[in-house]
Amino acid sequence: MPVLITKNKEDINNGGIDKLPLTKSKNGYVYVQVKRTADTAMYSMTNEKFAEDDSVGYEVFRVLVSKPCTIQQKSGVKAGMFYQYPASEKFPGNEDFGKIAWAFHTLEEAKKKFAEID
């Protein structure tokens, strides 16, 4: 019988959804949640590799939710093991910009878009 490893057993049992983090590192940037509603999020972004670069950008997006899934490890030491992941909110991908996600240089522009899509 295959082994089932859950990412977050409590969330799976309660039918919950993993929420977006308050902070996250992605693509060389540090993202910090500025504003959030049920369907919309705004994050500030700063360059994590160059501390002297104090410029800040903002991303506003509609929150995406991935479906729960079970994935089998195909190779390596853990081959044959199954990993179960609950539904989870996720950041938009590069292909989502201009459709459900937007980037801005100023907080004022980001707030305006946030109000528009929320």
N, C-alpha and C. Protein backbone atom coordinates (compact mmCIF):
# COMPACT_ATOMS: atom_id res chain seq x y z
N MET A 1 0.86 -1.19 0.00
CA MET A 1 0.00 0.00 0.00
C MET A 1 0.90 1.24 0.00
N PRO A 2 0.62 2.22 -0.88
CA PRO A 2 1.47 3.41 -0.96
C PRO A 2 1.33 4.30 0.28
N VAL A 3 2.39 5.01 0.57
CA VAL A 3 2.39 5.95 1.68
C VAL A 3 1.81 7.27 1.21
N LEU A 4 0.94 7.86 2.01
CA LEU A 4 0.35 9.16 1.67
C LEU A 4 0.86 10.20 2.64
N ILE A 5 1.55 11.20 2.13
CA ILE A 5 2.08 12.27 2.95
C ILE A 5 1.29 13.53 2.63
N THR A 6 0.74 14.15 3.65
CA THR A 6 -0.06 15.35 3.40
C THR A 6 0.75 16.59 3.71
N LYS A 7 0.50 17.63 2.96
CA LYS A 7 1.20 18.89 3.17
C LYS A 7 0.74 19.52 4.47
N ASN A 8 -0.56 19.53 4.68
CA ASN A 8 -1.12 20.13 5.87
C ASN A 8 -2.38 19.33 6.23
N LYS A 9 -2.21 18.34 7.06
CA LYS A 9 -3.27 17.39 7.36
C LYS A 9 -4.53 18.08 7.89
N GLU A 10 -4.38 19.07 8.73
CA GLU A 10 -5.54 19.76 9.31
C GLU A 10 -6.37 20.44 8.23
N ASP A 11 -5.71 21.10 7.28
CA ASP A 11 -6.43 21.77 6.20
C ASP A 11 -7.17 20.77 5.32
N ILE A 12 -6.55 19.64 5.04
CA ILE A 12 -7.19 18.65 4.19
C ILE A 12 -8.42 18.08 4.87
N ASN A 13 -8.30 17.75 6.15
CA ASN A 13 -9.41 17.18 6.88
C ASN A 13 -10.58 18.16 7.04
N ASN A 14 -10.28 19.42 7.15
CA ASN A 14 -11.33 20.43 7.34
C ASN A 14 -11.79 21.05 6.03
N GLY A 15 -11.25 20.58 4.91
CA GLY A 15 -11.63 21.14 3.63
C GLY A 15 -11.16 22.57 3.46
N GLY A 16 -10.17 22.99 4.23
CA GLY A 16 -9.68 24.35 4.19
C GLY A 16 -8.81 24.63 2.99
N ILE A 17 -8.46 25.88 2.83
CA ILE A 17 -7.60 26.32 1.74
C ILE A 17 -6.39 27.00 2.34
N ASP A 18 -5.19 26.62 1.90
CA ASP A 18 -3.98 27.31 2.33
C ASP A 18 -4.03 28.73 1.79
N LYS A 19 -3.85 29.71 2.64
CA LYS A 19 -3.93 31.12 2.26
C LYS A 19 -2.59 31.63 1.76
N LEU A 20 -2.61 32.73 1.02
CA LEU A 20 -1.39 33.38 0.59
C LEU A 20 -0.59 33.82 1.81
N PRO A 21 0.73 33.73 1.75
CA PRO A 21 1.55 34.16 2.89
C PRO A 21 1.58 35.69 3.01
N LEU A 22 1.91 36.17 4.20
CA LEU A 22 2.06 37.62 4.40
C LEU A 22 3.34 38.12 3.75
N THR A 23 4.37 37.28 3.71
CA THR A 23 5.62 37.62 3.02
C THR A 23 6.06 36.42 2.20
N LYS A 24 6.78 36.70 1.11
CA LYS A 24 7.24 35.63 0.23
C LYS A 24 8.41 36.12 -0.61
N SER A 25 9.36 35.24 -0.88
CA SER A 25 10.45 35.53 -1.81
C SER A 25 10.14 34.81 -3.11
N LYS A 26 10.24 35.53 -4.21
CA LYS A 26 9.93 34.95 -5.52
C LYS A 26 10.62 35.77 -6.61
N ASN A 27 11.25 35.11 -7.55
CA ASN A 27 11.89 35.76 -8.70
C ASN A 27 12.87 36.86 -8.30
N GLY A 28 13.56 36.70 -7.17
CA GLY A 28 14.55 37.69 -6.75
C GLY A 28 13.96 38.88 -6.01
N TYR A 29 12.69 38.80 -5.63
CA TYR A 29 12.03 39.90 -4.92
C TYR A 29 11.43 39.40 -3.61
N VAL A 30 11.31 40.31 -2.67
CA VAL A 30 10.59 40.03 -1.43
C VAL A 30 9.24 40.71 -1.55
N TYR A 31 8.19 39.94 -1.36
CA TYR A 31 6.82 40.45 -1.45
C TYR A 31 6.23 40.52 -0.04
N VAL A 32 5.60 41.64 0.27
CA VAL A 32 4.96 41.84 1.56
C VAL A 32 3.51 42.27 1.31
N GLN A 33 2.58 41.53 1.91
CA GLN A 33 1.17 41.84 1.70
C GLN A 33 0.84 43.21 2.29
N VAL A 34 0.22 44.07 1.47
CA VAL A 34 -0.15 45.42 1.87
C VAL A 34 -1.63 45.50 2.19
N LYS A 35 -2.43 44.84 1.35
CA LYS A 35 -3.89 44.91 1.49
C LYS A 35 -4.48 43.61 0.95
N ARG A 36 -5.60 43.19 1.54
CA ARG A 36 -6.18 41.92 1.14
C ARG A 36 -7.68 41.91 1.40
N THR A 37 -8.43 41.40 0.44
CA THR A 37 -9.84 41.08 0.63
C THR A 37 -10.00 39.61 0.24
N ALA A 38 -11.19 39.11 0.22
CA ALA A 38 -11.40 37.69 -0.09
C ALA A 38 -10.87 37.31 -1.47
N ASP A 39 -11.03 38.20 -2.46
CA ASP A 39 -10.68 37.86 -3.84
C ASP A 39 -9.54 38.66 -4.44
N THR A 40 -9.01 39.63 -3.73
CA THR A 40 -8.01 40.53 -4.28
C THR A 40 -6.86 40.72 -3.28
N ALA A 41 -5.64 40.84 -3.81
CA ALA A 41 -4.47 41.06 -2.95
C ALA A 41 -3.56 42.12 -3.54
N MET A 42 -2.86 42.83 -2.65
CA MET A 42 -1.85 43.81 -3.06
C MET A 42 -0.58 43.53 -2.26
N TYR A 43 0.54 43.43 -2.96
CA TYR A 43 1.83 43.19 -2.34
C TYR A 43 2.82 44.27 -2.78
N SER A 44 3.67 44.69 -1.83
CA SER A 44 4.81 45.52 -2.21
C SER A 44 5.93 44.57 -2.57
N MET A 45 6.83 45.02 -3.42
CA MET A 45 7.95 44.16 -3.82
C MET A 45 9.25 44.96 -3.82
N THR A 46 10.28 44.38 -3.21
CA THR A 46 11.61 44.99 -3.19
C THR A 46 12.61 43.96 -3.65
N ASN A 47 13.73 44.42 -4.18
CA ASN A 47 14.78 43.54 -4.68
C ASN A 47 15.52 42.93 -3.50
N GLU A 48 15.51 41.59 -3.39
CA GLU A 48 16.14 40.94 -2.24
C GLU A 48 17.65 40.78 -2.40
N LYS A 49 18.17 40.92 -3.60
CA LYS A 49 19.60 40.71 -3.83
C LYS A 49 20.42 41.99 -3.67
N PHE A 50 19.79 43.14 -3.80
CA PHE A 50 20.51 44.41 -3.73
C PHE A 50 19.87 45.28 -2.66
N ALA A 51 20.39 45.16 -1.44
CA ALA A 51 19.83 45.88 -0.30
C ALA A 51 19.87 47.40 -0.51
N GLU A 52 20.85 47.88 -1.28
CA GLU A 52 20.96 49.33 -1.51
C GLU A 52 19.87 49.86 -2.44
N ASP A 53 19.21 48.96 -3.16
CA ASP A 53 18.11 49.36 -4.05
C ASP A 53 16.83 49.45 -3.22
N ASP A 54 16.48 50.68 -2.85
CA ASP A 54 15.31 50.85 -1.98
C ASP A 54 14.03 51.13 -2.76
N SER A 55 14.05 50.93 -4.07
CA SER A 55 12.84 51.16 -4.84
C SER A 55 11.82 50.08 -4.53
N VAL A 56 10.58 50.48 -4.52
CA VAL A 56 9.49 49.57 -4.20
C VAL A 56 8.51 49.58 -5.36
N GLY A 57 8.04 48.41 -5.72
CA GLY A 57 6.99 48.27 -6.71
C GLY A 57 5.80 47.61 -6.03
N TYR A 58 4.70 47.52 -6.74
CA TYR A 58 3.49 46.93 -6.17
C TYR A 58 2.84 46.02 -7.20
N GLU A 59 2.29 44.92 -6.72
CA GLU A 59 1.52 44.04 -7.57
C GLU A 59 0.12 43.91 -6.98
N VAL A 60 -0.86 44.01 -7.86
CA VAL A 60 -2.26 43.85 -7.48
C VAL A 60 -2.80 42.70 -8.33
N PHE A 61 -3.52 41.78 -7.71
CA PHE A 61 -4.04 40.66 -8.48
C PHE A 61 -5.28 40.04 -7.85
N ARG A 62 -6.03 39.38 -8.71
CA ARG A 62 -7.14 38.55 -8.24
C ARG A 62 -6.53 37.26 -7.70
N VAL A 63 -7.01 36.82 -6.57
CA VAL A 63 -6.45 35.63 -5.94
C VAL A 63 -6.90 34.37 -6.68
N LEU A 64 -5.94 33.56 -7.06
CA LEU A 64 -6.20 32.28 -7.72
C LEU A 64 -6.23 31.17 -6.67
N VAL A 65 -7.05 30.16 -6.89
CA VAL A 65 -7.11 29.02 -5.99
C VAL A 65 -6.87 27.74 -6.80
N SER A 66 -5.83 27.01 -6.43
CA SER A 66 -5.56 25.74 -7.11
C SER A 66 -6.42 24.64 -6.49
N LYS A 67 -6.72 23.63 -7.27
CA LYS A 67 -7.53 22.52 -6.79
C LYS A 67 -6.66 21.58 -5.95
N PRO A 68 -7.28 20.85 -5.02
CA PRO A 68 -6.50 19.86 -4.28
C PRO A 68 -6.02 18.77 -5.23
N CYS A 69 -4.88 18.18 -4.92
CA CYS A 69 -4.37 17.13 -5.81
C CYS A 69 -3.49 16.15 -5.04
N THR A 70 -3.29 14.99 -5.64
CA THR A 70 -2.38 13.98 -5.11
C THR A 70 -1.36 13.69 -6.20
N ILE A 71 -0.08 13.74 -5.84
CA ILE A 71 1.00 13.55 -6.80
C ILE A 71 1.88 12.40 -6.33
N GLN A 72 2.23 11.50 -7.26
CA GLN A 72 3.11 10.39 -6.94
C GLN A 72 4.53 10.72 -7.33
N GLN A 73 5.47 10.50 -6.40
CA GLN A 73 6.89 10.68 -6.67
C GLN A 73 7.33 9.58 -7.62
N LYS A 74 7.87 9.94 -8.77
CA LYS A 74 8.19 8.96 -9.81
C LYS A 74 9.59 8.36 -9.69
N SER A 75 10.53 9.09 -9.08
CA SER A 75 11.90 8.57 -9.02
C SER A 75 12.57 8.98 -7.72
N GLY A 76 13.77 8.48 -7.53
CA GLY A 76 14.55 8.83 -6.35
C GLY A 76 14.21 7.97 -5.15
N VAL A 77 14.73 8.37 -4.02
CA VAL A 77 14.57 7.62 -2.78
C VAL A 77 13.09 7.48 -2.39
N LYS A 78 12.30 8.46 -2.70
CA LYS A 78 10.89 8.45 -2.31
C LYS A 78 9.96 8.01 -3.45
N ALA A 79 10.50 7.32 -4.43
CA ALA A 79 9.69 6.85 -5.56
C ALA A 79 8.54 6.00 -5.05
N GLY A 80 7.36 6.23 -5.60
CA GLY A 80 6.18 5.47 -5.21
C GLY A 80 5.37 6.11 -4.10
N MET A 81 5.93 7.10 -3.42
CA MET A 81 5.19 7.77 -2.35
C MET A 81 4.21 8.76 -2.96
N PHE A 82 3.10 8.94 -2.30
CA PHE A 82 2.08 9.88 -2.76
C PHE A 82 2.05 11.09 -1.85
N TYR A 83 1.94 12.27 -2.44
CA TYR A 83 1.85 13.51 -1.68
C TYR A 83 0.50 14.15 -1.97
N GLN A 84 -0.22 14.46 -0.92
CA GLN A 84 -1.54 15.06 -1.08
C GLN A 84 -1.44 16.54 -0.69
N TYR A 85 -1.94 17.40 -1.56
CA TYR A 85 -1.92 18.83 -1.34
C TYR A 85 -3.35 19.36 -1.30
N PRO A 86 -3.66 20.21 -0.32
CA PRO A 86 -5.00 20.79 -0.25
C PRO A 86 -5.15 21.90 -1.29
N ALA A 87 -6.37 22.36 -1.49
CA ALA A 87 -6.58 23.54 -2.32
C ALA A 87 -5.77 24.68 -1.69
N SER A 88 -5.21 25.54 -2.52
CA SER A 88 -4.42 26.64 -1.97
C SER A 88 -4.48 27.87 -2.87
N GLU A 89 -4.38 29.01 -2.21
CA GLU A 89 -4.29 30.27 -2.96
C GLU A 89 -2.88 30.35 -3.51
N LYS A 90 -2.74 30.98 -4.68
CA LYS A 90 -1.40 31.09 -5.26
C LYS A 90 -1.20 32.45 -5.92
N PHE A 91 0.07 32.79 -6.04
CA PHE A 91 0.44 34.02 -6.73
C PHE A 91 0.21 33.83 -8.22
N PRO A 92 -0.05 34.91 -8.94
CA PRO A 92 -0.22 34.79 -10.38
C PRO A 92 1.10 34.46 -11.06
N GLY A 93 1.03 33.80 -12.18
CA GLY A 93 2.22 33.53 -12.99
C GLY A 93 2.48 34.69 -13.93
N ASN A 94 3.62 34.67 -14.59
CA ASN A 94 3.98 35.75 -15.52
C ASN A 94 2.92 35.94 -16.61
N GLU A 95 2.32 34.83 -17.04
CA GLU A 95 1.32 34.90 -18.11
C GLU A 95 0.01 35.54 -17.67
N ASP A 96 -0.19 35.73 -16.36
CA ASP A 96 -1.42 36.32 -15.84
C ASP A 96 -1.42 37.85 -15.85
N PHE A 97 -0.23 38.45 -16.02
CA PHE A 97 -0.16 39.91 -15.97
C PHE A 97 -0.84 40.53 -17.18
N GLY A 98 -1.64 41.54 -16.87
CA GLY A 98 -2.45 42.19 -17.89
C GLY A 98 -3.85 41.60 -17.97
N LYS A 99 -4.05 40.45 -17.32
CA LYS A 99 -5.36 39.78 -17.33
C LYS A 99 -5.98 39.81 -15.94
N ILE A 100 -5.27 39.22 -14.97
CA ILE A 100 -5.77 39.23 -13.59
C ILE A 100 -4.74 39.77 -12.61
N ALA A 101 -3.61 40.24 -13.13
CA ALA A 101 -2.54 40.77 -12.28
C ALA A 101 -1.91 41.98 -12.97
N TRP A 102 -1.50 42.97 -12.14
CA TRP A 102 -0.92 44.19 -12.67
C TRP A 102 0.20 44.65 -11.76
N ALA A 103 1.21 45.29 -12.33
CA ALA A 103 2.35 45.81 -11.57
C ALA A 103 2.37 47.33 -11.69
N PHE A 104 2.75 48.00 -10.58
CA PHE A 104 2.74 49.46 -10.53
C PHE A 104 3.99 49.97 -9.83
N HIS A 105 4.35 51.23 -10.16
CA HIS A 105 5.51 51.87 -9.53
C HIS A 105 5.13 52.61 -8.25
N THR A 106 3.87 53.04 -8.15
CA THR A 106 3.47 53.83 -6.98
C THR A 106 2.33 53.16 -6.23
N LEU A 107 2.27 53.45 -4.95
CA LEU A 107 1.20 52.92 -4.10
C LEU A 107 -0.15 53.48 -4.53
N GLU A 108 -0.18 54.73 -4.96
CA GLU A 108 -1.43 55.35 -5.39
C GLU A 108 -2.03 54.62 -6.59
N GLU A 109 -1.18 54.30 -7.58
CA GLU A 109 -1.66 53.55 -8.76
C GLU A 109 -2.17 52.17 -8.35
N ALA A 110 -1.45 51.52 -7.46
CA ALA A 110 -1.85 50.18 -7.01
C ALA A 110 -3.18 50.23 -6.26
N LYS A 111 -3.35 51.23 -5.41
CA LYS A 111 -4.61 51.36 -4.66
C LYS A 111 -5.79 51.60 -5.58
N LYS A 112 -5.56 52.38 -6.63
CA LYS A 112 -6.62 52.67 -7.60
C LYS A 112 -7.05 51.38 -8.31
N LYS A 113 -6.10 50.58 -8.75
CA LYS A 113 -6.42 49.31 -9.43
C LYS A 113 -7.09 48.33 -8.46
N PHE A 114 -6.62 48.30 -7.23
CA PHE A 114 -7.19 47.42 -6.21
C PHE A 114 -8.67 47.74 -6.04
N ALA A 115 -8.99 49.02 -5.91
CA ALA A 115 -10.39 49.43 -5.73
C ALA A 115 -11.23 49.09 -6.96
N GLU A 116 -10.61 49.21 -8.14
CA GLU A 116 -11.31 48.94 -9.40
C GLU A 116 -11.70 47.47 -9.55
N ILE A 117 -10.80 46.54 -9.15
CA ILE A 117 -11.08 45.13 -9.38
C ILE A 117 -11.70 44.42 -8.18
N ASP A 118 -11.68 45.04 -7.01
CA ASP A 118 -12.22 44.38 -5.82
C ASP A 118 -13.72 44.40 -5.79
